[in-house]
Amino acid sequence: MKKQILTLGKVLNKAEQIHINGGRKMCDTNKDGKCEDNGPHCAEVYCSFEIDF
């Protein structure tokens, strides 16, 4: 089961850029509404975490 946690209007700090609970960091780099996987160093304004429960 996957759950999306959206973080809008916020640039993530280094602590939040690492993988959480085995999840992959996803960011909407081209602002098209779809999140792309950019690894642990992504710091975009519109981001979400894809976490496996």
PDB file of N, CA and C in Angstrom:
ATOM      1  N   MET A   1       0.846  -1.194   0.000  1.00  0.00           N
ATOM      2  CA  MET A   1       0.000   0.000   0.000  1.00  0.00           C
ATOM      3  C   MET A   1       0.883   1.245   0.000  1.00  0.00           C
ATOM      4  N   LYS A   2       0.573   2.134  -0.897  1.00  0.00           N
ATOM      5  CA  LYS A   2       1.378   3.348  -0.988  1.00  0.00           C
ATOM      6  C   LYS A   2       0.547   4.573  -0.638  1.00  0.00           C
ATOM      7  N   LYS A   3       1.174   5.500  -0.015  1.00  0.00           N
ATOM      8  CA  LYS A   3       0.493   6.730   0.382  1.00  0.00           C
ATOM      9  C   LYS A   3       1.349   7.920  -0.011  1.00  0.00           C
ATOM     10  N   GLN A   4       0.734   8.885  -0.634  1.00  0.00           N
ATOM     11  CA  GLN A   4       1.460  10.083  -1.050  1.00  0.00           C
ATOM     12  C   GLN A   4       1.361  11.160   0.031  1.00  0.00           C
ATOM     13  N   ILE A   5       2.499  11.689   0.407  1.00  0.00           N
ATOM     14  CA  ILE A   5       2.521  12.811   1.344  1.00  0.00           C
ATOM     15  C   ILE A   5       3.050  14.021   0.585  1.00  0.00           C
ATOM     16  N   LEU A   6       2.183  14.981   0.347  1.00  0.00           N
ATOM     17  CA  LEU A   6       2.566  16.140  -0.456  1.00  0.00           C
ATOM     18  C   LEU A   6       3.119  17.257   0.414  1.00  0.00           C
ATOM     19  N   THR A   7       4.142  17.902  -0.098  1.00  0.00           N
ATOM     20  CA  THR A   7       4.719  19.051   0.589  1.00  0.00           C
ATOM     21  C   THR A   7       4.742  20.201  -0.407  1.00  0.00           C
ATOM     22  N   LEU A   8       3.771  21.106  -0.305  1.00  0.00           N
ATOM     23  CA  LEU A   8       3.656  22.193  -1.274  1.00  0.00           C
ATOM     24  C   LEU A   8       4.176  23.504  -0.712  1.00  0.00           C
ATOM     25  N   GLY A   9       4.771  24.287  -1.599  1.00  0.00           N
ATOM     26  CA  GLY A   9       5.220  25.624  -1.216  1.00  0.00           C
ATOM     27  C   GLY A   9       6.338  25.619  -0.186  1.00  0.00           C
ATOM     28  N   LYS A  10       7.170  24.567  -0.192  1.00  0.00           N
ATOM     29  CA  LYS A  10       8.224  24.468   0.810  1.00  0.00           C
ATOM     30  C   LYS A  10       9.452  23.817   0.204  1.00  0.00           C
ATOM     31  N   VAL A  11      10.599  24.437   0.397  1.00  0.00           N
ATOM     32  CA  VAL A  11      11.837  23.817  -0.046  1.00  0.00           C
ATOM     33  C   VAL A  11      12.332  22.920   1.076  1.00  0.00           C
ATOM     34  N   LEU A  12      12.545  21.661   0.755  1.00  0.00           N
ATOM     35  CA  LEU A  12      12.913  20.710   1.790  1.00  0.00           C
ATOM     36  C   LEU A  12      14.360  20.887   2.239  1.00  0.00           C
ATOM     37  N   ASN A  13      14.576  20.753   3.540  1.00  0.00           N
ATOM     38  CA  ASN A  13      15.943  20.850   4.044  1.00  0.00           C
ATOM     39  C   ASN A  13      16.644  19.509   3.912  1.00  0.00           C
ATOM     40  N   LYS A  14      17.934  19.486   4.232  1.00  0.00           N
ATOM     41  CA  LYS A  14      18.728  18.273   4.015  1.00  0.00           C
ATOM     42  C   LYS A  14      18.185  17.069   4.773  1.00  0.00           C
ATOM     43  N   ALA A  15      17.668  17.277   5.960  1.00  0.00           N
ATOM     44  CA  ALA A  15      17.146  16.167   6.753  1.00  0.00           C
ATOM     45  C   ALA A  15      15.937  15.541   6.069  1.00  0.00           C
ATOM     46  N   GLU A  16      15.167  16.353   5.352  1.00  0.00           N
ATOM     47  CA  GLU A  16      13.965  15.871   4.689  1.00  0.00           C
ATOM     48  C   GLU A  16      14.249  15.335   3.288  1.00  0.00           C
ATOM     49  N   GLN A  17      15.478  15.530   2.807  1.00  0.00           N
ATOM     50  CA  GLN A  17      15.811  15.081   1.462  1.00  0.00           C
ATOM     51  C   GLN A  17      16.262  13.627   1.423  1.00  0.00           C
ATOM     52  N   ILE A  18      16.521  13.037   2.596  1.00  0.00           N
ATOM     53  CA  ILE A  18      16.964  11.648   2.623  1.00  0.00           C
ATOM     54  C   ILE A  18      15.771  10.725   2.481  1.00  0.00           C
ATOM     55  N   HIS A  19      16.027   9.454   2.212  1.00  0.00           N
ATOM     56  CA  HIS A  19      14.944   8.490   2.071  1.00  0.00           C
ATOM     57  C   HIS A  19      14.286   8.247   3.426  1.00  0.00           C
ATOM     58  N   ILE A  20      12.967   8.202   3.440  1.00  0.00           N
ATOM     59  CA  ILE A  20      12.222   8.002   4.678  1.00  0.00           C
ATOM     60  C   ILE A  20      11.440   6.698   4.590  1.00  0.00           C
ATOM     61  N   ASN A  21      11.620   5.817   5.568  1.00  0.00           N
ATOM     62  CA  ASN A  21      10.903   4.548   5.639  1.00  0.00           C
ATOM     63  C   ASN A  21      11.007   3.742   4.347  1.00  0.00           C
ATOM     64  N   GLY A  22      12.151   3.814   3.697  1.00  0.00           N
ATOM     65  CA  GLY A  22      12.335   3.066   2.456  1.00  0.00           C
ATOM     66  C   GLY A  22      11.636   3.704   1.275  1.00  0.00           C
ATOM     67  N   GLY A  23      11.102   4.904   1.474  1.00  0.00           N
ATOM     68  CA  GLY A  23      10.402   5.584   0.391  1.00  0.00           C
ATOM     69  C   GLY A  23      11.364   6.263  -0.567  1.00  0.00           C
ATOM     70  N   ARG A  24      10.872   6.606  -1.770  1.00  0.00           N
ATOM     71  CA  ARG A  24      11.689   7.312  -2.747  1.00  0.00           C
ATOM     72  C   ARG A  24      11.293   8.771  -2.773  1.00  0.00           C
ATOM     73  N   LYS A  25      12.294   9.637  -2.857  1.00  0.00           N
ATOM     74  CA  LYS A  25      12.026  11.068  -2.942  1.00  0.00           C
ATOM     75  C   LYS A  25      11.521  11.404  -4.341  1.00  0.00           C
ATOM     76  N   MET A  26      10.372  12.046  -4.424  1.00  0.00           N
ATOM     77  CA  MET A  26       9.785  12.414  -5.712  1.00  0.00           C
ATOM     78  C   MET A  26       9.607  13.931  -5.773  1.00  0.00           C
ATOM     79  N   CYS A  27       9.996  14.532  -6.895  1.00  0.00           N
ATOM     80  CA  CYS A  27       9.843  15.975  -7.058  1.00  0.00           C
ATOM     81  C   CYS A  27       9.271  16.314  -8.429  1.00  0.00           C
ATOM     82  N   ASP A  28       8.481  17.373  -8.472  1.00  0.00           N
ATOM     83  CA  ASP A  28       7.909  17.840  -9.727  1.00  0.00           C
ATOM     84  C   ASP A  28       8.827  18.930 -10.280  1.00  0.00           C
ATOM     85  N   THR A  29       9.924  18.503 -10.925  1.00  0.00           N
ATOM     86  CA  THR A  29      10.939  19.464 -11.357  1.00  0.00           C
ATOM     87  C   THR A  29      10.474  20.350 -12.507  1.00  0.00           C
ATOM     88  N   ASN A  30       9.671  19.811 -13.409  1.00  0.00           N
ATOM     89  CA  ASN A  30       9.227  20.623 -14.549  1.00  0.00           C
ATOM     90  C   ASN A  30       7.831  21.193 -14.341  1.00  0.00           C
ATOM     91  N   LYS A  31       7.313  21.088 -13.116  1.00  0.00           N
ATOM     92  CA  LYS A  31       6.048  21.713 -12.718  1.00  0.00           C
ATOM     93  C   LYS A  31       4.880  21.296 -13.612  1.00  0.00           C
ATOM     94  N   ASP A  32       4.857  20.003 -14.053  1.00  0.00           N
ATOM     95  CA  ASP A  32       3.755  19.538 -14.898  1.00  0.00           C
ATOM     96  C   ASP A  32       2.706  18.764 -14.106  1.00  0.00           C
ATOM     97  N   GLY A  33       2.860  18.753 -12.781  1.00  0.00           N
ATOM     98  CA  GLY A  33       1.890  18.065 -11.944  1.00  0.00           C
ATOM     99  C   GLY A  33       2.235  16.612 -11.692  1.00  0.00           C
ATOM    100  N   LYS A  34       3.310  16.121 -12.366  1.00  0.00           N
ATOM    101  CA  LYS A  34       3.750  14.749 -12.156  1.00  0.00           C
ATOM    102  C   LYS A  34       5.110  14.762 -11.455  1.00  0.00           C
ATOM    103  N   CYS A  35       5.251  13.878 -10.476  1.00  0.00           N
ATOM    104  CA  CYS A  35       6.507  13.852  -9.716  1.00  0.00           C
ATOM    105  C   CYS A  35       7.523  12.930 -10.368  1.00  0.00           C
ATOM    106  N   GLU A  36       8.759  13.395 -10.429  1.00  0.00           N
ATOM    107  CA  GLU A  36       9.844  12.593 -10.972  1.00  0.00           C
ATOM    108  C   GLU A  36      10.797  12.193  -9.846  1.00  0.00           C
ATOM    109  N   ASP A  37      11.456  11.054 -10.015  1.00  0.00           N
ATOM    110  CA  ASP A  37      12.393  10.585  -9.004  1.00  0.00           C
ATOM    111  C   ASP A  37      13.758  11.216  -9.245  1.00  0.00           C
ATOM    112  N   ASN A  38      14.193  12.081  -8.325  1.00  0.00           N
ATOM    113  CA  ASN A  38      15.468  12.758  -8.483  1.00  0.00           C
ATOM    114  C   ASN A  38      16.464  12.421  -7.385  1.00  0.00           C
ATOM    115  N   GLY A  39      16.215  11.334  -6.666  1.00  0.00           N
ATOM    116  CA  GLY A  39      17.163  10.914  -5.658  1.00  0.00           C
ATOM    117  C   GLY A  39      17.131  11.762  -4.398  1.00  0.00           C
ATOM    118  N   PRO A  40      18.125  11.583  -3.537  1.00  0.00           N
ATOM    119  CA  PRO A  40      18.124  12.219  -2.222  1.00  0.00           C
ATOM    120  C   PRO A  40      18.526  13.690  -2.220  1.00  0.00           C
ATOM    121  N   HIS A  41      18.939  14.224  -3.360  1.00  0.00           N
ATOM    122  CA  HIS A  41      19.429  15.601  -3.366  1.00  0.00           C
ATOM    123  C   HIS A  41      18.454  16.588  -3.988  1.00  0.00           C
ATOM    124  N   CYS A  42      17.215  16.162  -4.129  1.00  0.00           N
ATOM    125  CA  CYS A  42      16.210  17.038  -4.732  1.00  0.00           C
ATOM    126  C   CYS A  42      15.745  18.087  -3.732  1.00  0.00           C
ATOM    127  N   ALA A  43      15.587  19.323  -4.168  1.00  0.00           N
ATOM    128  CA  ALA A  43      15.093  20.388  -3.296  1.00  0.00           C
ATOM    129  C   ALA A  43      14.176  21.295  -4.096  1.00  0.00           C
ATOM    130  N   GLU A  44      13.103  20.714  -4.612  1.00  0.00           N
ATOM    131  CA  GLU A  44      12.145  21.498  -5.387  1.00  0.00           C
ATOM    132  C   GLU A  44      11.034  22.007  -4.468  1.00  0.00           C
ATOM    133  N   VAL A  45      10.259  22.963  -4.964  1.00  0.00           N
ATOM    134  CA  VAL A  45       9.184  23.539  -4.169  1.00  0.00           C
ATOM    135  C   VAL A  45       8.007  22.567  -4.063  1.00  0.00           C
ATOM    136  N   TYR A  46       7.694  21.887  -5.161  1.00  0.00           N
ATOM    137  CA  TYR A  46       6.568  20.961  -5.147  1.00  0.00           C
ATOM    138  C   TYR A  46       7.090  19.537  -5.128  1.00  0.00           C
ATOM    139  N   CYS A  47       6.994  18.882  -3.961  1.00  0.00           N
ATOM    140  CA  CYS A  47       7.549  17.557  -3.801  1.00  0.00           C
ATOM    141  C   CYS A  47       6.580  16.644  -3.071  1.00  0.00           C
ATOM    142  N   SER A  48       6.856  15.362  -3.142  1.00  0.00           N
ATOM    143  CA  SER A  48       6.105  14.406  -2.335  1.00  0.00           C
ATOM    144  C   SER A  48       6.980  13.209  -2.046  1.00  0.00           C
ATOM    145  N   PHE A  49       6.641  12.487  -1.013  1.00  0.00           N
ATOM    146  CA  PHE A  49       7.334  11.255  -0.697  1.00  0.00           C
ATOM    147  C   PHE A  49       6.435  10.088  -1.054  1.00  0.00           C
ATOM    148  N   GLU A  50       7.004   9.077  -1.713  1.00  0.00           N
ATOM    149  CA  GLU A  50       6.245   7.863  -1.979  1.00  0.00           C
ATOM    150  C   GLU A  50       6.729   6.822  -0.981  1.00  0.00           C
ATOM    151  N   ILE A  51       5.866   6.462  -0.035  1.00  0.00           N
ATOM    152  CA  ILE A  51       6.276   5.597   1.065  1.00  0.00           C
ATOM    153  C   ILE A  51       5.526   4.275   1.026  1.00  0.00           C
ATOM    154  N   ASP A  52       6.259   3.198   1.173  1.00  0.00           N
ATOM    155  CA  ASP A  52       5.645   1.871   1.216  1.00  0.00           C
ATOM    156  C   ASP A  52       5.326   1.506   2.658  1.00  0.00           C
ATOM    157  N   PHE A  53       4.076   1.115   2.897  1.00  0.00           N
ATOM    158  CA  PHE A  53       3.669   0.702   4.240  1.00  0.00           C
ATOM    159  C   PHE A  53       3.458  -0.795   4.279  1.00  0.00           C
TER     160      PHE A  53
END
